[in-house]
Amino acid sequence: MQAKKPSIYRPELKVRSFLLVILFSGLAYGFYRGIQDNYLAEIIKITKFERGIVEFFRELPGLMLIFILAAMYRFSETKVFKIGTAIMLAGVVGLLLLGTSKVMVILCMVIFSSGEHIVMPMKSSLSMKHAKPGKGGASLGITSAISHGGNIVGYLIVTALFLVFASLGVPRGSLVGFRTVFIIAAVLLFLSFLIALSMKDQGKTVKRNRIYFNKKFTKYYMLEVFYGARKQIFLTFAPYVLILYYGADTSVIALLLAICAGFGMVFSPLIGRLIDHLGYKTIMVGDTLILMVVCFFYGFAHRIFPKDIAFIVVCVNFVLDSIISLASMASNVYVQDLSTSPEETTATLTTGISVNHLISVIIALLGGLIWEKLGIEVLFTLSGFLGLMNTFYAMTIKKPIRQEEALA
């Protein structure tokens, strides 16, 4: 009889409810993200320049996260996780009920984004906390895979729904499909919140520093600056290039996002294990060669190929970028390796997200202007350059020497 494969999770901690919340919130995000850009372009009539402005406000909660969590510094990580899930639910309900004016839509997107950013460091920290020693990367990989699995189903259902609506004669730009998706996302987030409420706070309150900076994490902060800048260009403008330049409708964008999530589900555990086996530095450095190719073809495909071929090339690069972005898990393990406690890991990841978003909001504002005035070639060349800077900086990382290693 084959021996049972040992779990990567600590047996004394209940991980099932946590993973169910990740699954249902991943499903909800798949619905929400699957229509976001087409909703802005087709219903709210957001231009490419205004898209940067929308993203500026949407990313403000990430910049302010360090202060948002400071107000909850006496709460346990589990309780903060629950609060973030509830705020995401409020944002989707607002989009469903509060109309289609630009101001109200941006406000509701900011609310959803606030919850999303509050959950972000808690999800990483709780995932690593549930893992056995030396299994943090694998645990992050599994959590990411479950989230991507939920995303896949959400995106595919969005694709199917909009194809069905099109076959029934519902015109492109009708609110019917978008409202249907918002209802489904709200129900899923409500289920996520109910399951999150069943999670126990695991005893004591975790007291985090209100604002935590430490010199030993300086390289991590700098890596977040470079990663945040290049990530923001793709996150904000890559789908809009497909929609405004190539005419991609909601079903196409949702299908592409489903493919991205599918690859994410497959590659997340693999990359997590590679981080554990090869080291985070190798992974940080290794993803940039692909990034250079992605940025080049995203910016210049329309100048090299006929438009229909260029569209296929850009779609492939859209997927490739989503795969290499999974390597960002390496920086979380780097922080855990430097930290002396789980509380320090959480505090540092929180600070890192705010540092990441400091450059993100600037890039969001400037990106639309660069696209409008200088073209997408310059915009994605900038993204490639930032990725290259990220790699050069990652090459300077040295693995910390543990006290027990020093005494060996």
Protein backbone atom coordinates (compact mmCIF):
# COMPACT_ATOMS: atom_id res chain seq x y z
CA MET A 1 0.00 0.00 0.00
CA GLN A 2 1.34 3.40 -1.01
CA ALA A 3 2.24 5.73 1.86
CA LYS A 4 0.13 8.81 2.25
CA LYS A 5 1.89 11.93 0.97
CA PRO A 6 2.67 14.23 3.90
CA SER A 7 0.76 17.50 4.01
CA ILE A 8 2.60 20.80 3.66
CA TYR A 9 0.23 22.30 6.24
CA ARG A 10 0.62 22.35 10.00
CA PRO A 11 -1.89 19.83 11.40
CA GLU A 12 -2.86 21.97 14.40
CA LEU A 13 -4.23 24.75 12.16
CA LYS A 14 -7.57 24.44 10.33
CA VAL A 15 -6.85 25.31 6.71
CA ARG A 16 -10.10 24.22 4.98
CA SER A 17 -12.20 27.34 5.65
CA PHE A 18 -9.33 29.59 4.59
CA LEU A 19 -8.94 27.73 1.30
CA LEU A 20 -12.71 27.82 0.67
CA VAL A 21 -12.71 31.60 1.09
CA ILE A 22 -9.82 31.79 -1.40
CA LEU A 23 -11.82 29.66 -3.84
CA PHE A 24 -15.11 31.61 -3.65
CA SER A 25 -13.44 35.01 -3.66
CA GLY A 26 -11.38 33.80 -6.64
CA LEU A 27 -14.60 32.91 -8.43
CA ALA A 28 -16.09 36.32 -7.63
CA TYR A 29 -12.96 38.09 -8.83
CA GLY A 30 -13.12 36.13 -12.08
CA PHE A 31 -16.59 37.53 -12.76
CA TYR A 32 -15.66 41.06 -11.66
CA ARG A 33 -12.32 41.26 -13.49
CA GLY A 34 -13.74 39.52 -16.56
CA ILE A 35 -15.98 42.50 -17.35
CA GLN A 36 -14.12 45.40 -15.72
CA ASP A 37 -12.30 46.85 -18.72
CA ASN A 38 -15.13 46.36 -21.21
CA TYR A 39 -17.56 47.86 -18.68
CA LEU A 40 -15.37 50.94 -18.42
CA ALA A 41 -14.89 51.21 -22.19
CA GLU A 42 -18.38 50.31 -23.46
CA ILE A 43 -20.73 51.47 -20.69
CA ILE A 44 -18.87 54.22 -18.81
CA LYS A 45 -17.06 55.45 -21.98
CA ILE A 46 -13.65 55.79 -20.32
CA THR A 47 -10.97 56.89 -22.83
CA LYS A 48 -7.37 55.63 -22.85
CA PHE A 49 -6.22 58.80 -21.03
CA GLU A 50 -9.07 58.57 -18.50
CA ARG A 51 -8.21 54.90 -17.93
CA GLY A 52 -5.01 56.05 -16.26
CA ILE A 53 -6.97 58.45 -14.06
CA VAL A 54 -9.40 55.67 -13.05
CA GLU A 55 -6.46 53.45 -12.18
CA PHE A 56 -4.87 56.24 -10.13
CA PHE A 57 -7.91 56.32 -7.84
CA ARG A 58 -8.34 52.52 -7.91
CA GLU A 59 -4.77 52.03 -6.72
CA LEU A 60 -4.92 54.66 -3.95
CA PRO A 61 -6.05 52.06 -1.37
CA GLY A 62 -2.86 50.13 -2.10
CA LEU A 63 -0.79 53.25 -1.48
CA MET A 64 -2.72 53.98 1.70
CA LEU A 65 -2.78 50.36 2.87
CA ILE A 66 -0.12 50.91 5.49
CA PHE A 67 -2.35 53.52 7.13
CA ILE A 68 -5.58 51.54 6.63
CA LEU A 69 -4.10 48.56 8.42
CA ALA A 70 -2.60 50.82 11.07
CA ALA A 71 -6.17 51.55 12.19
CA MET A 72 -6.65 47.79 12.65
CA TYR A 73 -3.25 47.04 14.18
CA ARG A 74 -4.78 45.38 17.26
CA PHE A 75 -6.89 42.99 15.16
CA SER A 76 -5.76 39.47 14.34
CA GLU A 77 -4.81 38.73 10.74
CA THR A 78 -7.89 36.52 10.45
CA LYS A 79 -10.20 39.34 11.55
CA VAL A 80 -8.59 41.76 9.06
CA PHE A 81 -9.06 39.09 6.39
CA LYS A 82 -12.79 38.99 7.19
CA ILE A 83 -13.11 42.80 7.09
CA GLY A 84 -11.38 42.96 3.71
CA THR A 85 -13.76 40.36 2.28
CA ALA A 86 -16.78 42.35 3.51
CA ILE A 87 -15.44 45.56 1.90
CA MET A 88 -15.00 43.79 -1.45
CA LEU A 89 -18.64 42.69 -1.21
CA ALA A 90 -19.73 46.29 -0.54
CA GLY A 91 -17.89 47.50 -3.66
CA VAL A 92 -19.62 45.00 -5.98
CA VAL A 93 -23.04 45.71 -4.46
CA GLY A 94 -22.40 49.41 -5.05
CA LEU A 95 -21.58 48.83 -8.73
CA LEU A 96 -24.81 46.88 -9.02
CA LEU A 97 -27.07 49.42 -7.32
CA LEU A 98 -25.60 52.92 -7.61
CA GLY A 99 -25.85 53.66 -11.34
CA THR A 100 -23.36 54.25 -14.14
CA SER A 101 -22.08 57.78 -13.55
CA LYS A 102 -18.28 58.00 -13.75
CA VAL A 103 -18.00 59.30 -10.18
CA MET A 104 -20.11 56.52 -8.63
CA VAL A 105 -18.44 53.77 -10.64
CA ILE A 106 -14.95 54.96 -9.68
CA LEU A 107 -16.04 55.26 -6.03
CA CYS A 108 -17.33 51.68 -5.98
CA MET A 109 -14.19 50.43 -7.71
CA VAL A 110 -12.12 52.16 -5.03
CA ILE A 111 -14.21 50.46 -2.31
CA PHE A 112 -13.71 47.04 -3.93
CA SER A 113 -10.01 47.79 -4.36
CA SER A 114 -9.74 48.72 -0.67
CA GLY A 115 -11.05 45.31 0.35
CA GLU A 116 -8.88 43.56 -2.24
CA HIS A 117 -5.73 45.28 -0.96
CA ILE A 118 -6.59 44.63 2.70
CA VAL A 119 -6.96 40.92 1.93
CA MET A 120 -3.76 40.75 -0.14
CA PRO A 121 -1.07 40.69 2.60
CA MET A 122 -3.35 38.71 4.94
CA LYS A 123 -3.80 36.01 2.30
CA SER A 124 -0.04 35.65 1.82
CA SER A 125 0.72 35.78 5.53
CA LEU A 126 -2.03 33.31 6.53
CA SER A 127 -0.98 30.98 3.74
CA MET A 128 2.61 30.87 4.98
CA LYS A 129 1.48 30.67 8.62
CA HIS A 130 -0.53 27.52 7.86
CA ALA A 131 2.52 25.89 6.24
CA LYS A 132 5.13 23.70 7.88
CA PRO A 133 8.68 25.12 8.12
CA GLY A 134 10.36 25.28 4.72
CA LYS A 135 7.03 24.88 2.88
CA GLY A 136 6.06 28.55 2.59
CA GLY A 137 6.63 28.68 -1.17
CA ALA A 138 4.61 25.51 -1.76
CA SER A 139 1.75 26.84 0.38
CA LEU A 140 1.72 30.14 -1.51
CA GLY A 141 1.71 28.16 -4.75
CA ILE A 142 -1.32 26.11 -3.70
CA THR A 143 -3.21 29.19 -2.50
CA SER A 144 -2.47 30.93 -5.78
CA ALA A 145 -3.54 27.85 -7.75
CA ILE A 146 -6.90 27.67 -5.94
CA SER A 147 -7.48 31.38 -6.54
CA HIS A 148 -6.63 30.98 -10.21
CA GLY A 149 -8.94 27.96 -10.42
CA GLY A 150 -11.80 30.14 -9.21
CA ASN A 151 -10.78 32.86 -11.66
CA ILE A 152 -10.86 30.37 -14.55
CA VAL A 153 -14.43 29.31 -13.87
CA GLY A 154 -15.54 32.93 -13.44
CA TYR A 155 -13.89 34.07 -16.67
CA LEU A 156 -15.24 31.14 -18.68
CA ILE A 157 -18.78 31.70 -17.44
CA VAL A 158 -18.47 35.40 -18.36
CA THR A 159 -17.31 34.36 -21.86
CA ALA A 160 -20.24 31.95 -22.19
CA LEU A 161 -22.77 34.46 -20.86
CA PHE A 162 -21.78 37.18 -23.31
CA LEU A 163 -21.73 34.74 -26.23
CA VAL A 164 -25.25 33.65 -25.25
CA PHE A 165 -26.43 37.27 -24.95
CA ALA A 166 -24.93 38.03 -28.38
CA SER A 167 -26.72 35.02 -29.90
CA LEU A 168 -29.98 36.25 -28.39
CA GLY A 169 -29.52 39.61 -30.11
CA VAL A 170 -28.50 41.64 -27.06
CA PRO A 171 -26.40 44.47 -28.53
CA ARG A 172 -22.80 45.06 -27.49
CA GLY A 173 -22.76 47.77 -24.83
CA SER A 174 -26.04 46.65 -23.24
CA LEU A 175 -26.18 46.74 -19.43
CA VAL A 176 -27.95 43.37 -19.23
CA GLY A 177 -24.85 41.20 -19.33
CA PHE A 178 -22.83 43.41 -17.02
CA ARG A 179 -25.55 43.59 -14.37
CA THR A 180 -25.98 39.81 -14.49
CA VAL A 181 -22.28 39.34 -13.81
CA PHE A 182 -22.29 41.85 -10.93
CA ILE A 183 -25.18 39.93 -9.30
CA ILE A 184 -23.27 36.64 -9.52
CA ALA A 185 -20.09 38.24 -8.14
CA ALA A 186 -22.03 39.74 -5.22
CA VAL A 187 -23.56 36.36 -4.32
CA LEU A 188 -20.16 34.64 -4.42
CA LEU A 189 -18.55 37.31 -2.24
CA PHE A 190 -21.42 37.00 0.22
CA LEU A 191 -20.70 33.27 0.46
CA SER A 192 -16.98 34.05 0.92
CA PHE A 193 -17.82 36.40 3.77
CA LEU A 194 -20.05 33.83 5.49
CA ILE A 195 -17.30 31.20 5.30
CA ALA A 196 -14.70 33.71 6.52
CA LEU A 197 -16.87 34.41 9.56
CA SER A 198 -16.50 30.74 10.53
CA MET A 199 -12.70 31.07 10.69
CA LYS A 200 -11.35 31.24 14.23
CA ASP A 201 -8.87 33.94 15.18
CA GLN A 202 -6.48 31.30 16.48
CA GLY A 203 -6.29 32.67 20.01
CA LYS A 204 -4.26 35.76 20.76
CA THR A 205 -4.47 39.11 19.05
CA VAL A 206 -1.55 39.75 16.72
CA LYS A 207 -0.11 43.18 17.45
CA ARG A 208 1.58 44.62 14.37
CA ASN A 209 3.62 47.78 14.27
CA ARG A 210 1.52 50.67 12.99
CA ILE A 211 4.05 51.58 10.29
CA TYR A 212 6.93 49.18 9.86
CA PHE A 213 10.18 49.96 8.05
CA ASN A 214 13.41 48.10 8.66
CA LYS A 215 16.76 48.66 6.96
CA LYS A 216 17.23 44.94 6.32
CA PHE A 217 14.23 45.01 3.96
CA THR A 218 15.58 47.89 1.82
CA LYS A 219 16.19 45.66 -1.21
CA TYR A 220 12.69 44.23 -0.92
CA TYR A 221 11.23 47.75 -0.95
CA MET A 222 13.24 48.63 -4.06
CA LEU A 223 12.17 45.44 -5.81
CA GLU A 224 8.56 46.37 -5.10
CA VAL A 225 9.10 49.78 -6.70
CA PHE A 226 10.39 48.26 -9.96
CA TYR A 227 7.83 45.44 -9.97
CA GLY A 228 4.95 47.81 -9.15
CA ALA A 229 5.82 50.08 -12.06
CA ARG A 230 6.11 47.42 -14.76
CA LYS A 231 3.10 45.50 -13.38
CA GLN A 232 0.91 48.59 -13.47
CA ILE A 233 1.54 49.24 -17.16
CA PHE A 234 0.31 45.77 -18.09
CA LEU A 235 -2.52 45.62 -15.56
CA THR A 236 -3.98 48.96 -16.64
CA PHE A 237 -3.23 49.28 -20.32
CA ALA A 238 -2.75 45.78 -21.78
CA PRO A 239 -6.50 44.96 -21.81
CA TYR A 240 -7.31 48.48 -23.05
CA VAL A 241 -4.92 48.03 -25.99
CA LEU A 242 -6.85 44.90 -26.94
CA ILE A 243 -10.23 46.64 -26.56
CA LEU A 244 -9.56 50.06 -28.11
CA TYR A 245 -6.95 49.16 -30.75
CA TYR A 246 -7.94 45.60 -31.70
CA GLY A 247 -11.68 45.76 -30.89
CA ALA A 248 -11.77 42.83 -28.42
CA ASP A 249 -15.21 42.38 -26.85
CA THR A 250 -16.06 41.13 -23.34
CA SER A 251 -16.12 37.44 -24.30
CA VAL A 252 -12.62 37.70 -25.84
CA ILE A 253 -11.13 39.53 -22.84
CA ALA A 254 -12.76 37.13 -20.37
CA LEU A 255 -11.53 34.12 -22.38
CA LEU A 256 -7.98 35.50 -22.41
CA LEU A 257 -8.16 36.06 -18.66
CA ALA A 258 -9.40 32.47 -18.26
CA ILE A 259 -6.41 31.20 -20.23
CA CYS A 260 -4.11 33.32 -18.06
CA ALA A 261 -5.73 31.92 -14.92
CA GLY A 262 -5.44 28.39 -16.31
CA PHE A 263 -1.72 28.77 -16.80
CA GLY A 264 -1.53 30.40 -13.38
CA MET A 265 -3.24 27.43 -11.78
CA VAL A 266 -0.81 25.03 -13.45
CA PHE A 267 2.36 27.03 -12.94
CA SER A 268 1.75 28.53 -9.47
CA PRO A 269 2.55 25.31 -7.53
CA LEU A 270 5.49 24.64 -9.87
CA ILE A 271 6.95 28.11 -9.36
CA GLY A 272 6.30 27.82 -5.62
CA ARG A 273 8.33 24.60 -5.52
CA LEU A 274 11.04 26.14 -7.71
CA ILE A 275 11.31 29.01 -5.23
CA ASP A 276 11.84 26.50 -2.41
CA HIS A 277 14.38 24.42 -4.41
CA LEU A 278 16.25 26.98 -6.55
CA GLY A 279 15.90 29.99 -4.28
CA TYR A 280 13.98 33.22 -4.67
CA LYS A 281 16.94 35.08 -6.20
CA THR A 282 17.13 32.70 -9.18
CA ILE A 283 13.40 33.07 -9.85
CA MET A 284 13.50 36.88 -9.51
CA VAL A 285 16.32 37.12 -12.04
CA GLY A 286 15.08 34.44 -14.43
CA ASP A 287 11.70 35.89 -15.40
CA THR A 288 13.09 39.01 -17.08
CA LEU A 289 14.24 37.43 -20.35
CA ILE A 290 10.63 36.49 -21.12
CA LEU A 291 9.50 39.94 -20.00
CA MET A 292 11.77 41.62 -22.57
CA VAL A 293 10.12 39.60 -25.36
CA VAL A 294 6.63 40.29 -24.02
CA CYS A 295 7.15 44.05 -23.82
CA PHE A 296 8.71 44.25 -27.29
CA PHE A 297 5.90 42.43 -29.08
CA TYR A 298 3.14 44.12 -27.09
CA GLY A 299 4.46 47.52 -28.10
CA PHE A 300 5.57 46.78 -31.66
CA ALA A 301 3.50 43.84 -32.99
CA HIS A 302 1.22 46.17 -34.96
CA ARG A 303 4.28 47.59 -36.78
CA ILE A 304 5.68 44.16 -37.66
CA PHE A 305 2.62 42.08 -38.56
CA PRO A 306 -0.75 42.61 -40.28
CA LYS A 307 -3.42 43.63 -37.78
CA ASP A 308 -5.07 40.19 -37.47
CA ILE A 309 -1.70 38.49 -36.89
CA ALA A 310 -0.62 41.27 -34.54
CA PHE A 311 -3.79 40.69 -32.50
CA ILE A 312 -2.87 37.00 -32.03
CA VAL A 313 0.72 37.91 -31.10
CA VAL A 314 -0.49 40.46 -28.53
CA CYS A 315 -2.92 37.91 -27.05
CA VAL A 316 -0.07 35.40 -26.64
CA ASN A 317 2.05 38.05 -24.94
CA PHE A 318 -0.87 38.98 -22.68
CA VAL A 319 -0.85 35.38 -21.45
CA LEU A 320 2.95 35.20 -21.16
CA ASP A 321 3.00 38.27 -18.93
CA SER A 322 0.47 36.70 -16.59
CA ILE A 323 2.73 33.63 -16.27
CA ILE A 324 5.92 35.51 -15.48
CA SER A 325 4.10 37.73 -12.98
CA LEU A 326 3.68 34.60 -10.81
CA ALA A 327 7.37 34.95 -9.96
CA SER A 328 6.39 37.82 -7.64
CA MET A 329 5.76 35.09 -5.01
CA ALA A 330 9.53 34.92 -4.64
CA SER A 331 9.67 38.29 -2.91
CA ASN A 332 7.20 37.05 -0.25
CA VAL A 333 9.48 34.12 0.55
CA TYR A 334 12.46 36.50 0.59
CA VAL A 335 10.69 38.58 3.24
CA GLN A 336 9.84 35.49 5.28
CA ASP A 337 13.50 34.44 5.10
CA LEU A 338 14.62 37.82 6.48
CA SER A 339 11.90 38.10 9.12
CA THR A 340 12.27 37.04 12.74
CA SER A 341 8.53 36.43 13.28
CA PRO A 342 5.25 35.97 11.35
CA GLU A 343 4.17 39.40 12.60
CA GLU A 344 7.25 41.00 11.02
CA THR A 345 6.50 39.15 7.76
CA THR A 346 2.95 40.54 7.65
CA ALA A 347 4.04 44.06 8.56
CA THR A 348 6.75 44.05 5.91
CA LEU A 349 4.48 42.65 3.18
CA THR A 350 1.98 45.38 4.03
CA THR A 351 4.64 48.07 3.75
CA GLY A 352 5.84 46.50 0.50
CA ILE A 353 2.37 46.74 -1.02
CA SER A 354 2.22 50.45 -0.15
CA VAL A 355 5.69 51.03 -1.61
CA ASN A 356 4.61 49.09 -4.71
CA HIS A 357 1.58 51.32 -5.11
CA LEU A 358 3.48 54.57 -4.60
CA ILE A 359 5.02 54.07 -8.04
CA SER A 360 1.85 52.39 -9.38
CA VAL A 361 -0.33 55.48 -8.95
CA ILE A 362 2.30 57.63 -10.68
CA ILE A 363 2.60 55.18 -13.57
CA ALA A 364 -1.20 54.95 -13.83
CA LEU A 365 -1.45 58.73 -14.27
CA LEU A 366 1.49 59.01 -16.66
CA GLY A 367 0.75 55.84 -18.64
CA GLY A 368 -2.40 57.15 -20.32
CA LEU A 369 -0.63 60.39 -21.19
CA ILE A 370 2.40 58.52 -22.60
CA TRP A 371 0.12 56.31 -24.70
CA GLU A 372 -1.85 59.29 -26.02
CA LYS A 373 1.16 61.51 -26.77
CA LEU A 374 3.98 59.06 -27.60
CA GLY A 375 2.24 55.78 -28.48
CA ILE A 376 2.10 52.28 -27.02
CA GLU A 377 5.62 51.60 -28.30
CA VAL A 378 7.12 53.99 -25.77
CA LEU A 379 4.76 52.81 -23.01
CA PHE A 380 5.77 49.15 -23.25
CA THR A 381 9.44 49.94 -23.86
CA LEU A 382 9.31 51.71 -20.50
CA SER A 383 7.78 48.58 -18.95
CA GLY A 384 10.58 46.43 -20.33
CA PHE A 385 13.23 48.83 -19.03
CA LEU A 386 11.70 48.76 -15.54
CA GLY A 387 11.68 44.96 -15.61
CA LEU A 388 15.37 44.97 -16.57
CA MET A 389 16.16 47.31 -13.67
CA ASN A 390 14.26 44.90 -11.39
CA THR A 391 16.52 42.05 -12.52
CA PHE A 392 19.76 43.98 -12.02
CA TYR A 393 18.67 44.86 -8.51
CA ALA A 394 17.57 41.29 -7.72
CA MET A 395 21.06 40.08 -8.68
CA THR A 396 22.47 41.96 -5.67
CA ILE A 397 20.39 39.94 -3.16
CA LYS A 398 22.29 37.74 -0.73
CA LYS A 399 20.60 34.94 1.19
CA PRO A 400 20.55 35.81 4.92
CA ILE A 401 22.74 33.67 7.19
CA ARG A 402 20.75 32.09 10.00
CA GLN A 403 22.26 31.97 13.47
CA GLU A 404 22.20 28.17 13.46
CA GLU A 405 23.97 28.15 10.08
CA ALA A 406 26.63 30.54 11.37
CA LEU A 407 27.32 28.23 14.35
CA ALA A 408 27.47 25.08 12.22
